[in-house]
Amino acid sequence: MTNVKFSRKNGKFVGVECSGHSDYAEYGSDVVCAALSSVVQTAVLGLMQVVGINVGYEIDEEKGYLKATLPLDLNDQQAHDADVILKTAYLGASDLYEQFSDYINVEVE
């Protein structure tokens, strides 16, 4: 199962952490893993390349781990844009959870 945890601070999304493999299908054929990975990785790319935030992140492909955390020194526009991007990723992950709850867990802290 893949656990996806979105972090919030003062009502705004500030990070995401994914761990584990969904085990929906064999490695290389797991459409659940691929869909969830696309949602989260696209959000991280948006934070970095569209909004221009120096996101702190860790990746371990073998363990199925990704963690992305926003820095504390964002200006108001960056904080707004990051919140929109991460909230959209949360909605995408939640939609996948509705269809594949045996393979994905999504939470917000």
PDB file of N, CA and C in Angstrom:
ATOM      1  N   MET A   1       0.840  -1.180   0.000  1.00  0.00           N
ATOM      2  CA  MET A   1       0.000   0.000   0.000  1.00  0.00           C
ATOM      3  C   MET A   1       0.882   1.239   0.000  1.00  0.00           C
ATOM      4  N   THR A   2       0.451   2.241  -0.751  1.00  0.00           N
ATOM      5  CA  THR A   2       1.151   3.524  -0.759  1.00  0.00           C
ATOM      6  C   THR A   2       0.432   4.467   0.193  1.00  0.00           C
ATOM      7  N   ASN A   3       1.169   5.021   1.116  1.00  0.00           N
ATOM      8  CA  ASN A   3       0.632   6.011   2.040  1.00  0.00           C
ATOM      9  C   ASN A   3       1.048   7.393   1.556  1.00  0.00           C
ATOM     10  N   VAL A   4       0.073   8.274   1.408  1.00  0.00           N
ATOM     11  CA  VAL A   4       0.320   9.633   0.966  1.00  0.00           C
ATOM     12  C   VAL A   4      -0.135  10.572   2.075  1.00  0.00           C
ATOM     13  N   LYS A   5       0.793  11.380   2.550  1.00  0.00           N
ATOM     14  CA  LYS A   5       0.479  12.299   3.640  1.00  0.00           C
ATOM     15  C   LYS A   5       0.772  13.728   3.190  1.00  0.00           C
ATOM     16  N   PHE A   6      -0.264  14.537   3.157  1.00  0.00           N
ATOM     17  CA  PHE A   6      -0.117  15.954   2.853  1.00  0.00           C
ATOM     18  C   PHE A   6      -0.036  16.714   4.167  1.00  0.00           C
ATOM     19  N   SER A   7       0.890  17.647   4.239  1.00  0.00           N
ATOM     20  CA  SER A   7       1.071  18.440   5.447  1.00  0.00           C
ATOM     21  C   SER A   7       0.516  19.839   5.236  1.00  0.00           C
ATOM     22  N   ARG A   8      -0.103  20.371   6.294  1.00  0.00           N
ATOM     23  CA  ARG A   8      -0.604  21.743   6.262  1.00  0.00           C
ATOM     24  C   ARG A   8      -0.086  22.503   7.477  1.00  0.00           C
ATOM     25  N   LYS A   9       0.063  23.783   7.280  1.00  0.00           N
ATOM     26  CA  LYS A   9       0.448  24.676   8.370  1.00  0.00           C
ATOM     27  C   LYS A   9      -0.348  25.961   8.185  1.00  0.00           C
ATOM     28  N   ASN A  10      -1.016  26.386   9.242  1.00  0.00           N
ATOM     29  CA  ASN A  10      -1.855  27.589   9.186  1.00  0.00           C
ATOM     30  C   ASN A  10      -2.867  27.526   8.040  1.00  0.00           C
ATOM     31  N   GLY A  11      -3.418  26.340   7.823  1.00  0.00           N
ATOM     32  CA  GLY A  11      -4.452  26.167   6.812  1.00  0.00           C
ATOM     33  C   GLY A  11      -3.966  26.026   5.383  1.00  0.00           C
ATOM     34  N   LYS A  12      -2.656  26.101   5.152  1.00  0.00           N
ATOM     35  CA  LYS A  12      -2.110  25.990   3.792  1.00  0.00           C
ATOM     36  C   LYS A  12      -1.276  24.720   3.657  1.00  0.00           C
ATOM     37  N   PHE A  13      -1.354  24.108   2.494  1.00  0.00           N
ATOM     38  CA  PHE A  13      -0.546  22.926   2.229  1.00  0.00           C
ATOM     39  C   PHE A  13       0.925  23.321   2.128  1.00  0.00           C
ATOM     40  N   VAL A  14       1.790  22.540   2.795  1.00  0.00           N
ATOM     41  CA  VAL A  14       3.221  22.866   2.823  1.00  0.00           C
ATOM     42  C   VAL A  14       4.117  21.688   2.447  1.00  0.00           C
ATOM     43  N   GLY A  15       3.540  20.530   2.159  1.00  0.00           N
ATOM     44  CA  GLY A  15       4.373  19.401   1.779  1.00  0.00           C
ATOM     45  C   GLY A  15       3.568  18.149   1.513  1.00  0.00           C
ATOM     46  N   VAL A  16       4.276  17.159   0.971  1.00  0.00           N
ATOM     47  CA  VAL A  16       3.666  15.861   0.684  1.00  0.00           C
ATOM     48  C   VAL A  16       4.727  14.784   0.874  1.00  0.00           C
ATOM     49  N   GLU A  17       4.301  13.648   1.389  1.00  0.00           N
ATOM     50  CA  GLU A  17       5.190  12.508   1.586  1.00  0.00           C
ATOM     51  C   GLU A  17       4.467  11.242   1.142  1.00  0.00           C
ATOM     52  N   CYS A  18       5.112  10.482   0.277  1.00  0.00           N
ATOM     53  CA  CYS A  18       4.568   9.213  -0.209  1.00  0.00           C
ATOM     54  C   CYS A  18       5.532   8.104   0.173  1.00  0.00           C
ATOM     55  N   SER A  19       4.984   6.987   0.652  1.00  0.00           N
ATOM     56  CA  SER A  19       5.860   5.861   0.982  1.00  0.00           C
ATOM     57  C   SER A  19       5.156   4.544   0.691  1.00  0.00           C
ATOM     58  N   GLY A  20       5.937   3.608   0.205  1.00  0.00           N
ATOM     59  CA  GLY A  20       5.439   2.268  -0.056  1.00  0.00           C
ATOM     60  C   GLY A  20       4.992   2.082  -1.498  1.00  0.00           C
ATOM     61  N   HIS A  21       4.839   0.824  -1.854  1.00  0.00           N
ATOM     62  CA  HIS A  21       4.379   0.460  -3.191  1.00  0.00           C
ATOM     63  C   HIS A  21       2.918   0.048  -3.104  1.00  0.00           C
ATOM     64  N   SER A  22       2.154   0.386  -4.114  1.00  0.00           N
ATOM     65  CA  SER A  22       0.718   0.084  -4.061  1.00  0.00           C
ATOM     66  C   SER A  22       0.442  -1.412  -4.210  1.00  0.00           C
ATOM     67  N   ASP A  23       1.314  -2.130  -4.909  1.00  0.00           N
ATOM     68  CA  ASP A  23       1.148  -3.568  -5.136  1.00  0.00           C
ATOM     69  C   ASP A  23      -0.150  -3.913  -5.865  1.00  0.00           C
ATOM     70  N   TYR A  24      -0.607  -3.004  -6.697  1.00  0.00           N
ATOM     71  CA  TYR A  24      -1.785  -3.274  -7.524  1.00  0.00           C
ATOM     72  C   TYR A  24      -1.453  -4.287  -8.613  1.00  0.00           C
ATOM     73  N   ALA A  25      -0.233  -4.186  -9.144  1.00  0.00           N
ATOM     74  CA  ALA A  25       0.231  -5.087 -10.200  1.00  0.00           C
ATOM     75  C   ALA A  25       1.743  -5.186 -10.107  1.00  0.00           C
ATOM     76  N   GLU A  26       2.326  -6.001 -10.977  1.00  0.00           N
ATOM     77  CA  GLU A  26       3.782  -6.170 -10.997  1.00  0.00           C
ATOM     78  C   GLU A  26       4.467  -4.842 -11.300  1.00  0.00           C
ATOM     79  N   TYR A  27       5.700  -4.725 -10.804  1.00  0.00           N
ATOM     80  CA  TYR A  27       6.510  -3.551 -11.082  1.00  0.00           C
ATOM     81  C   TYR A  27       6.594  -3.345 -12.590  1.00  0.00           C
ATOM     82  N   GLY A  28       6.358  -2.122 -13.025  1.00  0.00           N
ATOM     83  CA  GLY A  28       6.369  -1.817 -14.445  1.00  0.00           C
ATOM     84  C   GLY A  28       4.994  -1.893 -15.089  1.00  0.00           C
ATOM     85  N   SER A  29       4.046  -2.525 -14.409  1.00  0.00           N
ATOM     86  CA  SER A  29       2.681  -2.641 -14.936  1.00  0.00           C
ATOM     87  C   SER A  29       1.644  -2.080 -13.971  1.00  0.00           C
ATOM     88  N   ASP A  30       2.108  -1.439 -12.910  1.00  0.00           N
ATOM     89  CA  ASP A  30       1.226  -0.973 -11.842  1.00  0.00           C
ATOM     90  C   ASP A  30       0.666   0.404 -12.192  1.00  0.00           C
ATOM     91  N   VAL A  31      -0.552   0.413 -12.745  1.00  0.00           N
ATOM     92  CA  VAL A  31      -1.161   1.674 -13.180  1.00  0.00           C
ATOM     93  C   VAL A  31      -1.545   2.567 -12.002  1.00  0.00           C
ATOM     94  N   VAL A  32      -1.834   1.989 -10.855  1.00  0.00           N
ATOM     95  CA  VAL A  32      -2.155   2.791  -9.676  1.00  0.00           C
ATOM     96  C   VAL A  32      -0.919   3.562  -9.223  1.00  0.00           C
ATOM     97  N   CYS A  33       0.198   2.878  -9.141  1.00  0.00           N
ATOM     98  CA  CYS A  33       1.457   3.521  -8.774  1.00  0.00           C
ATOM     99  C   CYS A  33       1.821   4.603  -9.793  1.00  0.00           C
ATOM    100  N   ALA A  34       1.673   4.286 -11.064  1.00  0.00           N
ATOM    101  CA  ALA A  34       2.015   5.243 -12.109  1.00  0.00           C
ATOM    102  C   ALA A  34       1.134   6.489 -12.034  1.00  0.00           C
ATOM    103  N   ALA A  35      -0.145   6.307 -11.806  1.00  0.00           N
ATOM    104  CA  ALA A  35      -1.062   7.449 -11.730  1.00  0.00           C
ATOM    105  C   ALA A  35      -0.742   8.324 -10.526  1.00  0.00           C
ATOM    106  N   LEU A  36      -0.553   7.703  -9.386  1.00  0.00           N
ATOM    107  CA  LEU A  36      -0.256   8.465  -8.173  1.00  0.00           C
ATOM    108  C   LEU A  36       1.093   9.166  -8.295  1.00  0.00           C
ATOM    109  N   SER A  37       2.077   8.477  -8.824  1.00  0.00           N
ATOM    110  CA  SER A  37       3.394   9.082  -9.027  1.00  0.00           C
ATOM    111  C   SER A  37       3.310  10.291  -9.948  1.00  0.00           C
ATOM    112  N   SER A  38       2.530  10.180 -10.997  1.00  0.00           N
ATOM    113  CA  SER A  38       2.377  11.297 -11.934  1.00  0.00           C
ATOM    114  C   SER A  38       1.746  12.507 -11.257  1.00  0.00           C
ATOM    115  N   VAL A  39       0.737  12.284 -10.457  1.00  0.00           N
ATOM    116  CA  VAL A  39       0.077  13.388  -9.750  1.00  0.00           C
ATOM    117  C   VAL A  39       1.068  14.101  -8.833  1.00  0.00           C
ATOM    118  N   VAL A  40       1.772  13.341  -8.011  1.00  0.00           N
ATOM    119  CA  VAL A  40       2.660  13.937  -7.014  1.00  0.00           C
ATOM    120  C   VAL A  40       3.903  14.553  -7.667  1.00  0.00           C
ATOM    121  N   GLN A  41       4.510  13.841  -8.602  1.00  0.00           N
ATOM    122  CA  GLN A  41       5.715  14.367  -9.235  1.00  0.00           C
ATOM    123  C   GLN A  41       5.421  15.605 -10.081  1.00  0.00           C
ATOM    124  N   THR A  42       4.259  15.663 -10.719  1.00  0.00           N
ATOM    125  CA  THR A  42       3.885  16.850 -11.480  1.00  0.00           C
ATOM    126  C   THR A  42       3.689  18.040 -10.539  1.00  0.00           C
ATOM    127  N   ALA A  43       3.122  17.805  -9.377  1.00  0.00           N
ATOM    128  CA  ALA A  43       2.970  18.883  -8.391  1.00  0.00           C
ATOM    129  C   ALA A  43       4.330  19.416  -7.959  1.00  0.00           C
ATOM    130  N   VAL A  44       5.273  18.527  -7.692  1.00  0.00           N
ATOM    131  CA  VAL A  44       6.617  18.958  -7.286  1.00  0.00           C
ATOM    132  C   VAL A  44       7.286  19.745  -8.412  1.00  0.00           C
ATOM    133  N   LEU A  45       7.148  19.275  -9.647  1.00  0.00           N
ATOM    134  CA  LEU A  45       7.701  20.015 -10.784  1.00  0.00           C
ATOM    135  C   LEU A  45       7.067  21.403 -10.900  1.00  0.00           C
ATOM    136  N   GLY A  46       5.768  21.481 -10.692  1.00  0.00           N
ATOM    137  CA  GLY A  46       5.085  22.775 -10.736  1.00  0.00           C
ATOM    138  C   GLY A  46       5.602  23.725  -9.668  1.00  0.00           C
ATOM    139  N   LEU A  47       5.802  23.208  -8.470  1.00  0.00           N
ATOM    140  CA  LEU A  47       6.337  24.037  -7.389  1.00  0.00           C
ATOM    141  C   LEU A  47       7.716  24.580  -7.747  1.00  0.00           C
ATOM    142  N   MET A  48       8.535  23.717  -8.315  1.00  0.00           N
ATOM    143  CA  MET A  48       9.912  24.099  -8.606  1.00  0.00           C
ATOM    144  C   MET A  48      10.033  24.946  -9.874  1.00  0.00           C
ATOM    145  N   GLN A  49       9.399  24.509 -10.947  1.00  0.00           N
ATOM    146  CA  GLN A  49       9.643  25.137 -12.244  1.00  0.00           C
ATOM    147  C   GLN A  49       8.639  26.211 -12.624  1.00  0.00           C
ATOM    148  N   VAL A  50       7.429  26.138 -12.115  1.00  0.00           N
ATOM    149  CA  VAL A  50       6.436  27.157 -12.444  1.00  0.00           C
ATOM    150  C   VAL A  50       6.448  28.268 -11.391  1.00  0.00           C
ATOM    151  N   VAL A  51       6.406  27.874 -10.122  1.00  0.00           N
ATOM    152  CA  VAL A  51       6.375  28.862  -9.044  1.00  0.00           C
ATOM    153  C   VAL A  51       7.784  29.332  -8.679  1.00  0.00           C
ATOM    154  N   GLY A  52       8.791  28.503  -8.950  1.00  0.00           N
ATOM    155  CA  GLY A  52      10.171  28.889  -8.672  1.00  0.00           C
ATOM    156  C   GLY A  52      10.588  28.714  -7.222  1.00  0.00           C
ATOM    157  N   ILE A  53      10.019  27.720  -6.575  1.00  0.00           N
ATOM    158  CA  ILE A  53      10.331  27.452  -5.169  1.00  0.00           C
ATOM    159  C   ILE A  53      11.445  26.419  -5.083  1.00  0.00           C
ATOM    160  N   ASN A  54      12.388  26.660  -4.214  1.00  0.00           N
ATOM    161  CA  ASN A  54      13.462  25.708  -3.957  1.00  0.00           C
ATOM    162  C   ASN A  54      12.936  24.667  -2.958  1.00  0.00           C
ATOM    163  N   VAL A  55      12.248  23.687  -3.478  1.00  0.00           N
ATOM    164  CA  VAL A  55      11.599  22.657  -2.661  1.00  0.00           C
ATOM    165  C   VAL A  55      12.650  21.710  -2.104  1.00  0.00           C
ATOM    166  N   GLY A  56      12.548  21.403  -0.823  1.00  0.00           N
ATOM    167  CA  GLY A  56      13.385  20.360  -0.246  1.00  0.00           C
ATOM    168  C   GLY A  56      12.735  19.018  -0.542  1.00  0.00           C
ATOM    169  N   TYR A  57      13.470  18.109  -1.149  1.00  0.00           N
ATOM    170  CA  TYR A  57      12.847  16.827  -1.454  1.00  0.00           C
ATOM    171  C   TYR A  57      13.836  15.674  -1.325  1.00  0.00           C
ATOM    172  N   GLU A  58      13.252  14.507  -1.071  1.00  0.00           N
ATOM    173  CA  GLU A  58      13.993  13.248  -0.971  1.00  0.00           C
ATOM    174  C   GLU A  58      13.257  12.227  -1.829  1.00  0.00           C
ATOM    175  N   ILE A  59      14.018  11.389  -2.520  1.00  0.00           N
ATOM    176  CA  ILE A  59      13.420  10.334  -3.340  1.00  0.00           C
ATOM    177  C   ILE A  59      14.220   9.045  -3.147  1.00  0.00           C
ATOM    178  N   ASP A  60      13.511   7.939  -2.983  1.00  0.00           N
ATOM    179  CA  ASP A  60      14.111   6.614  -2.986  1.00  0.00           C
ATOM    180  C   ASP A  60      13.184   5.729  -3.812  1.00  0.00           C
ATOM    181  N   GLU A  61      13.508   5.583  -5.093  1.00  0.00           N
ATOM    182  CA  GLU A  61      12.637   4.836  -6.006  1.00  0.00           C
ATOM    183  C   GLU A  61      12.468   3.383  -5.591  1.00  0.00           C
ATOM    184  N   GLU A  62      13.523   2.793  -5.085  1.00  0.00           N
ATOM    185  CA  GLU A  62      13.457   1.386  -4.695  1.00  0.00           C
ATOM    186  C   GLU A  62      12.432   1.157  -3.580  1.00  0.00           C
ATOM    187  N   LYS A  63      12.385   2.076  -2.634  1.00  0.00           N
ATOM    188  CA  LYS A  63      11.450   1.953  -1.510  1.00  0.00           C
ATOM    189  C   LYS A  63      10.099   2.594  -1.803  1.00  0.00           C
ATOM    190  N   GLY A  64       9.986   3.256  -2.945  1.00  0.00           N
ATOM    191  CA  GLY A  64       8.741   3.940  -3.269  1.00  0.00           C
ATOM    192  C   GLY A  64       8.517   5.130  -2.354  1.00  0.00           C
ATOM    193  N   TYR A  65       9.549   5.957  -2.185  1.00  0.00           N
ATOM    194  CA  TYR A  65       9.479   7.064  -1.233  1.00  0.00           C
ATOM    195  C   TYR A  65       9.759   8.386  -1.924  1.00  0.00           C
ATOM    196  N   LEU A  66       8.926   9.378  -1.630  1.00  0.00           N
ATOM    197  CA  LEU A  66       9.137  10.745  -2.074  1.00  0.00           C
ATOM    198  C   LEU A  66       8.637  11.671  -0.978  1.00  0.00           C
ATOM    199  N   LYS A  67       9.437  12.652  -0.649  1.00  0.00           N
ATOM    200  CA  LYS A  67       9.024  13.667   0.320  1.00  0.00           C
ATOM    201  C   LYS A  67       9.416  15.021  -0.237  1.00  0.00           C
ATOM    202  N   ALA A  68       8.469  15.940  -0.259  1.00  0.00           N
ATOM    203  CA  ALA A  68       8.709  17.301  -0.729  1.00  0.00           C
ATOM    204  C   ALA A  68       8.176  18.262   0.329  1.00  0.00           C
ATOM    205  N   THR A  69       9.023  19.200   0.738  1.00  0.00           N
ATOM    206  CA  THR A  69       8.662  20.150   1.780  1.00  0.00           C
ATOM    207  C   THR A  69       8.984  21.559   1.316  1.00  0.00           C
ATOM    208  N   LEU A  70       8.056  22.464   1.533  1.00  0.00           N
ATOM    209  CA  LEU A  70       8.270  23.855   1.167  1.00  0.00           C
ATOM    210  C   LEU A  70       9.173  24.540   2.185  1.00  0.00           C
ATOM    211  N   PRO A  71       9.999  25.486   1.725  1.00  0.00           N
ATOM    212  CA  PRO A  71      10.804  26.260   2.671  1.00  0.00           C
ATOM    213  C   PRO A  71       9.898  27.222   3.458  1.00  0.00           C
ATOM    214  N   LEU A  72      10.403  27.719   4.562  1.00  0.00           N
ATOM    215  CA  LEU A  72       9.611  28.595   5.424  1.00  0.00           C
ATOM    216  C   LEU A  72       9.558  30.044   4.939  1.00  0.00           C
ATOM    217  N   ASP A  73      10.453  30.425   4.052  1.00  0.00           N
ATOM    218  CA  ASP A  73      10.582  31.837   3.671  1.00  0.00           C
ATOM    219  C   ASP A  73       9.874  32.201   2.361  1.00  0.00           C
ATOM    220  N   LEU A  74       8.701  31.644   2.118  1.00  0.00           N
ATOM    221  CA  LEU A  74       7.962  31.957   0.903  1.00  0.00           C
ATOM    222  C   LEU A  74       7.287  33.314   1.026  1.00  0.00           C
ATOM    223  N   ASN A  75       7.231  34.046  -0.094  1.00  0.00           N
ATOM    224  CA  ASN A  75       6.445  35.274  -0.068  1.00  0.00           C
ATOM    225  C   ASN A  75       4.967  34.900  -0.216  1.00  0.00           C
ATOM    226  N   ASP A  76       4.078  35.869  -0.082  1.00  0.00           N
ATOM    227  CA  ASP A  76       2.640  35.584  -0.096  1.00  0.00           C
ATOM    228  C   ASP A  76       2.180  34.944  -1.403  1.00  0.00           C
ATOM    229  N   GLN A  77       2.709  35.419  -2.528  1.00  0.00           N
ATOM    230  CA  GLN A  77       2.308  34.864  -3.823  1.00  0.00           C
ATOM    231  C   GLN A  77       2.774  33.417  -3.965  1.00  0.00           C
ATOM    232  N   GLN A  78       4.015  33.136  -3.582  1.00  0.00           N
ATOM    233  CA  GLN A  78       4.532  31.762  -3.642  1.00  0.00           C
ATOM    234  C   GLN A  78       3.720  30.837  -2.730  1.00  0.00           C
ATOM    235  N   ALA A  79       3.404  31.307  -1.529  1.00  0.00           N
ATOM    236  CA  ALA A  79       2.621  30.492  -0.586  1.00  0.00           C
ATOM    237  C   ALA A  79       1.240  30.187  -1.173  1.00  0.00           C
ATOM    238  N   HIS A  80       0.629  31.181  -1.798  1.00  0.00           N
ATOM    239  CA  HIS A  80      -0.675  30.974  -2.426  1.00  0.00           C
ATOM    240  C   HIS A  80      -0.582  29.958  -3.563  1.00  0.00           C
ATOM    241  N   ASP A  81       0.392  30.167  -4.463  1.00  0.00           N
ATOM    242  CA  ASP A  81       0.538  29.285  -5.611  1.00  0.00           C
ATOM    243  C   ASP A  81       0.870  27.852  -5.182  1.00  0.00           C
ATOM    244  N   ALA A  82       1.736  27.715  -4.195  1.00  0.00           N
ATOM    245  CA  ALA A  82       2.102  26.389  -3.691  1.00  0.00           C
ATOM    246  C   ALA A  82       0.893  25.693  -3.084  1.00  0.00           C
ATOM    247  N   ASP A  83       0.086  26.444  -2.352  1.00  0.00           N
ATOM    248  CA  ASP A  83      -1.123  25.877  -1.755  1.00  0.00           C
ATOM    249  C   ASP A  83      -2.068  25.373  -2.842  1.00  0.00           C
ATOM    250  N   VAL A  84      -2.233  26.133  -3.910  1.00  0.00           N
ATOM    251  CA  VAL A  84      -3.105  25.729  -5.014  1.00  0.00           C
ATOM    252  C   VAL A  84      -2.583  24.448  -5.671  1.00  0.00           C
ATOM    253  N   ILE A  85      -1.291  24.393  -5.930  1.00  0.00           N
ATOM    254  CA  ILE A  85      -0.710  23.209  -6.565  1.00  0.00           C
ATOM    255  C   ILE A  85      -0.838  21.981  -5.670  1.00  0.00           C
ATOM    256  N   LEU A  86      -0.485  22.110  -4.398  1.00  0.00           N
ATOM    257  CA  LEU A  86      -0.560  20.958  -3.495  1.00  0.00           C
ATOM    258  C   LEU A  86      -2.001  20.556  -3.211  1.00  0.00           C
ATOM    259  N   LYS A  87      -2.896  21.521  -3.155  1.00  0.00           N
ATOM    260  CA  LYS A  87      -4.314  21.191  -2.961  1.00  0.00           C
ATOM    261  C   LYS A  87      -4.838  20.418  -4.172  1.00  0.00           C
ATOM    262  N   THR A  88      -4.402  20.798  -5.369  1.00  0.00           N
ATOM    263  CA  THR A  88      -4.789  20.079  -6.581  1.00  0.00           C
ATOM    264  C   THR A  88      -4.241  18.655  -6.564  1.00  0.00           C
ATOM    265  N   ALA A  89      -2.985  18.498  -6.123  1.00  0.00           N
ATOM    266  CA  ALA A  89      -2.407  17.154  -5.998  1.00  0.00           C
ATOM    267  C   ALA A  89      -3.186  16.333  -4.979  1.00  0.00           C
ATOM    268  N   TYR A  90      -3.588  16.958  -3.887  1.00  0.00           N
ATOM    269  CA  TYR A  90      -4.401  16.274  -2.877  1.00  0.00           C
ATOM    270  C   TYR A  90      -5.717  15.791  -3.493  1.00  0.00           C
ATOM    271  N   LEU A  91      -6.351  16.639  -4.290  1.00  0.00           N
ATOM    272  CA  LEU A  91      -7.603  16.241  -4.936  1.00  0.00           C
ATOM    273  C   LEU A  91      -7.382  15.066  -5.887  1.00  0.00           C
ATOM    274  N   GLY A  92      -6.282  15.102  -6.642  1.00  0.00           N
ATOM    275  CA  GLY A  92      -5.966  13.995  -7.547  1.00  0.00           C
ATOM    276  C   GLY A  92      -5.710  12.696  -6.795  1.00  0.00           C
ATOM    277  N   ALA A  93      -4.927  12.786  -5.709  1.00  0.00           N
ATOM    278  CA  ALA A  93      -4.643  11.596  -4.899  1.00  0.00           C
ATOM    279  C   ALA A  93      -5.922  11.077  -4.240  1.00  0.00           C
ATOM    280  N   SER A  94      -6.768  11.981  -3.780  1.00  0.00           N
ATOM    281  CA  SER A  94      -8.035  11.583  -3.150  1.00  0.00           C
ATOM    282  C   SER A  94      -8.958  10.890  -4.139  1.00  0.00           C
ATOM    283  N   ASP A  95      -8.967  11.371  -5.367  1.00  0.00           N
ATOM    284  CA  ASP A  95      -9.780  10.738  -6.399  1.00  0.00           C
ATOM    285  C   ASP A  95      -9.286   9.313  -6.669  1.00  0.00           C
ATOM    286  N   LEU A  96      -7.975   9.141  -6.732  1.00  0.00           N
ATOM    287  CA  LEU A  96      -7.416   7.795  -6.898  1.00  0.00           C
ATOM    288  C   LEU A  96      -7.761   6.913  -5.698  1.00  0.00           C
ATOM    289  N   TYR A  97      -7.715   7.494  -4.505  1.00  0.00           N
ATOM    290  CA  TYR A  97      -8.062   6.735  -3.295  1.00  0.00           C
ATOM    291  C   TYR A  97      -9.499   6.207  -3.373  1.00  0.00           C
ATOM    292  N   GLU A  98     -10.413   7.025  -3.868  1.00  0.00           N
ATOM    293  CA  GLU A  98     -11.812   6.590  -3.969  1.00  0.00           C
ATOM    294  C   GLU A  98     -11.960   5.348  -4.829  1.00  0.00           C
ATOM    295  N   GLN A  99     -11.117   5.226  -5.837  1.00  0.00           N
ATOM    296  CA  GLN A  99     -11.202   4.085  -6.747  1.00  0.00           C
ATOM    297  C   GLN A  99     -10.332   2.910  -6.312  1.00  0.00           C
ATOM    298  N   PHE A 100      -9.253   3.188  -5.572  1.00  0.00           N
ATOM    299  CA  PHE A 100      -8.260   2.157  -5.253  1.00  0.00           C
ATOM    300  C   PHE A 100      -7.870   2.182  -3.777  1.00  0.00           C
ATOM    301  N   SER A 101      -8.858   2.239  -2.898  1.00  0.00           N
ATOM    302  CA  SER A 101      -8.583   2.377  -1.460  1.00  0.00           C
ATOM    303  C   SER A 101      -7.880   1.151  -0.863  1.00  0.00           C
ATOM    304  N   ASP A 102      -7.865   0.038  -1.563  1.00  0.00           N
ATOM    305  CA  ASP A 102      -7.125  -1.133  -1.081  1.00  0.00           C
ATOM    306  C   ASP A 102      -5.621  -0.984  -1.335  1.00  0.00           C
ATOM    307  N   TYR A 103      -5.246   0.010  -2.141  1.00  0.00           N
ATOM    308  CA  TYR A 103      -3.845   0.160  -2.550  1.00  0.00           C
ATOM    309  C   TYR A 103      -3.227   1.508  -2.182  1.00  0.00           C
ATOM    310  N   ILE A 104      -4.089   2.484  -1.830  1.00  0.00           N
ATOM    311  CA  ILE A 104      -3.628   3.838  -1.504  1.00  0.00           C
ATOM    312  C   ILE A 104      -4.307   4.306  -0.223  1.00  0.00           C
ATOM    313  N   ASN A 105      -3.562   4.997   0.609  1.00  0.00           N
ATOM    314  CA  ASN A 105      -4.127   5.679   1.759  1.00  0.00           C
ATOM    315  C   ASN A 105      -3.730   7.147   1.659  1.00  0.00           C
ATOM    316  N   VAL A 106      -4.658   8.057   1.831  1.00  0.00           N
ATOM    317  CA  VAL A 106      -4.389   9.496   1.741  1.00  0.00           C
ATOM    318  C   VAL A 106      -4.830  10.147   3.030  1.00  0.00           C
ATOM    319  N   GLU A 107      -3.942  10.990   3.589  1.00  0.00           N
ATOM    320  CA  GLU A 107      -4.296  11.725   4.804  1.00  0.00           C
ATOM    321  C   GLU A 107      -3.714  13.132   4.755  1.00  0.00           C
ATOM    322  N   VAL A 108      -4.291  13.998   5.574  1.00  0.00           N
ATOM    323  CA  VAL A 108      -3.805  15.364   5.714  1.00  0.00           C
ATOM    324  C   VAL A 108      -3.529  15.594   7.186  1.00  0.00           C
ATOM    325  N   GLU A 109      -2.374  16.145   7.464  1.00  0.00           N
ATOM    326  CA  GLU A 109      -2.037  16.437   8.873  1.00  0.00           C
ATOM    327  C   GLU A 109      -1.814  17.906   9.060  1.00  0.00           C
TER     328      GLU A 109
END
